[in-house]
Structures are given as C-alpha cells and as structure tokens.
Amino acid sequence: MDKVKNPVLTEKSIRLLEKKQYSFNVDSESNKTEIKRWIEKFSNVKVKAMNSHRPPRKKKYIGSIIAHSVRYKRMIITLQPGYSIPLFSNE
C-alpha cells in the first residue's frame, strides 16, 4: 500500500485523464512491474502501458547549507478501454 504515494493533479495530468492516463507519485525504489501489479490488484483495472520519470530535484537554501528535496518517481499509467480509476471519493 505504501508503493503508490499519491495521485498527481496538475493541469497536464488533468488533460491526460481524457486519454485514460493517470499520474501517480510512487516510491523511488519501485519498478514498473511492482506498480503495475499493485494498481491492477487494488483498483481492479487492466494496465495497457506505463511510463516513468524522475522530476529534477529542487534546491532549498537553509542558511549557507544547500539541501535538496526528496527524490521520487512519477508514473503515467495508461488503462485499457472500459476501465477507470476513481480519484475522488463520493463522500
């Protein structure tokens, strides 16, 4: 359950929802096969394709020390026709 951190809701990811593509931030040590099995098992969907990338780290200055933001991996998951993942609950 801790492999997929959270869904990404940006302007680009909302446009991708029309093409049945969902964006998620995932654990940086996870690979595509683990994430595919996890999504198919817990969301009851069939995954057609997956793309992954690591966004660039951002610098943060704390006095004279340079710190970097936490590295994560972003997955863009394309579902087969007829499937969807509810991102928002109806509560």
Protein backbone atom coordinates (compact mmCIF):
# COMPACT_ATOMS: atom_id res chain seq x y z
CA MET A 1 0.00 0.00 0.00
CA ASP A 2 2.96 2.32 0.51
CA LYS A 3 4.36 1.92 -3.04
CA VAL A 4 1.98 4.49 -4.57
CA LYS A 5 2.29 7.74 -2.63
CA ASN A 6 -0.43 9.96 -4.12
CA PRO A 7 -2.14 10.90 -7.39
CA VAL A 8 -0.75 13.94 -9.21
CA LEU A 9 -3.32 16.60 -10.07
CA THR A 10 -1.74 19.23 -12.32
CA GLU A 11 -3.05 20.86 -15.48
CA LYS A 12 -1.22 18.33 -17.63
CA SER A 13 -2.38 15.32 -15.61
CA ILE A 14 -5.99 16.51 -15.78
CA ARG A 15 -5.71 16.75 -19.60
CA LEU A 16 -4.29 13.20 -19.62
CA LEU A 17 -7.37 11.90 -17.76
CA GLU A 18 -9.34 12.28 -21.00
CA LYS A 19 -6.99 9.73 -22.61
CA LYS A 20 -7.38 7.30 -19.67
CA GLN A 21 -3.88 8.17 -18.39
CA TYR A 22 -3.34 8.61 -14.66
CA SER A 23 -0.28 10.13 -12.95
CA PHE A 24 0.97 8.93 -9.57
CA ASN A 25 3.98 9.69 -7.41
CA VAL A 26 5.49 6.37 -6.37
CA ASP A 27 8.32 5.10 -4.19
CA SER A 28 11.69 5.74 -5.86
CA GLU A 29 12.83 2.11 -5.39
CA SER A 30 9.72 0.66 -7.08
CA ASN A 31 9.86 -0.65 -10.61
CA LYS A 32 7.19 -0.76 -13.31
CA THR A 33 6.21 -4.39 -12.69
CA GLU A 34 5.57 -3.85 -8.98
CA ILE A 35 3.48 -0.74 -9.61
CA LYS A 36 1.52 -2.44 -12.40
CA ARG A 37 0.64 -5.41 -10.15
CA TRP A 38 -0.29 -3.08 -7.30
CA ILE A 39 -2.57 -0.88 -9.48
CA GLU A 40 -4.27 -3.90 -11.09
CA LYS A 41 -4.81 -5.64 -7.75
CA PHE A 42 -6.14 -2.75 -5.67
CA SER A 43 -8.01 -0.79 -8.37
CA ASN A 44 -9.44 -3.77 -10.33
CA VAL A 45 -8.27 -2.38 -13.70
CA LYS A 46 -6.12 -3.59 -16.59
CA VAL A 47 -2.98 -1.58 -17.37
CA LYS A 48 -2.15 -1.08 -21.04
CA ALA A 49 1.13 0.87 -20.75
CA MET A 50 3.32 2.64 -18.20
CA ASN A 51 5.83 5.47 -18.45
CA SER A 52 8.05 6.66 -15.64
CA HIS A 53 10.39 9.55 -14.99
CA ARG A 54 12.13 11.30 -12.14
CA PRO A 55 11.44 15.05 -12.00
CA PRO A 56 14.50 17.24 -11.28
CA ARG A 57 15.34 17.91 -7.66
CA LYS A 58 14.79 21.39 -6.27
CA LYS A 59 17.37 23.23 -4.17
CA LYS A 60 16.46 24.68 -0.82
CA TYR A 61 18.80 27.05 1.00
CA ILE A 62 18.94 26.77 4.78
CA GLY A 63 21.39 29.50 5.72
CA SER A 64 24.63 28.61 3.97
CA ILE A 65 23.68 24.94 3.55
CA ILE A 66 22.14 23.69 0.31
CA ALA A 67 19.54 20.97 0.80
CA HIS A 68 17.68 19.07 -1.91
CA SER A 69 14.07 17.97 -1.98
CA VAL A 70 13.23 14.29 -1.63
CA ARG A 71 13.61 12.24 -4.83
CA TYR A 72 10.54 10.45 -6.08
CA LYS A 73 9.42 8.74 -9.24
CA ARG A 74 6.35 9.68 -11.25
CA MET A 75 4.41 7.04 -13.20
CA ILE A 76 1.96 7.77 -16.00
CA ILE A 77 -0.34 4.77 -16.32
CA THR A 78 -2.50 4.16 -19.40
CA LEU A 79 -5.52 1.92 -18.86
CA GLN A 80 -7.21 -0.37 -21.35
CA PRO A 81 -10.54 0.86 -22.79
CA GLY A 82 -13.51 0.43 -20.46
CA TYR A 83 -11.55 0.86 -17.20
CA SER A 84 -11.14 3.88 -14.94
CA ILE A 85 -9.74 4.70 -11.51
CA PRO A 86 -11.88 6.88 -9.20
CA LEU A 87 -9.51 9.54 -7.84
CA PHE A 88 -12.07 11.27 -5.64
CA SER A 89 -14.43 9.60 -3.21
CA ASN A 90 -18.14 10.47 -3.31
CA GLU A 91 -18.31 11.16 0.41
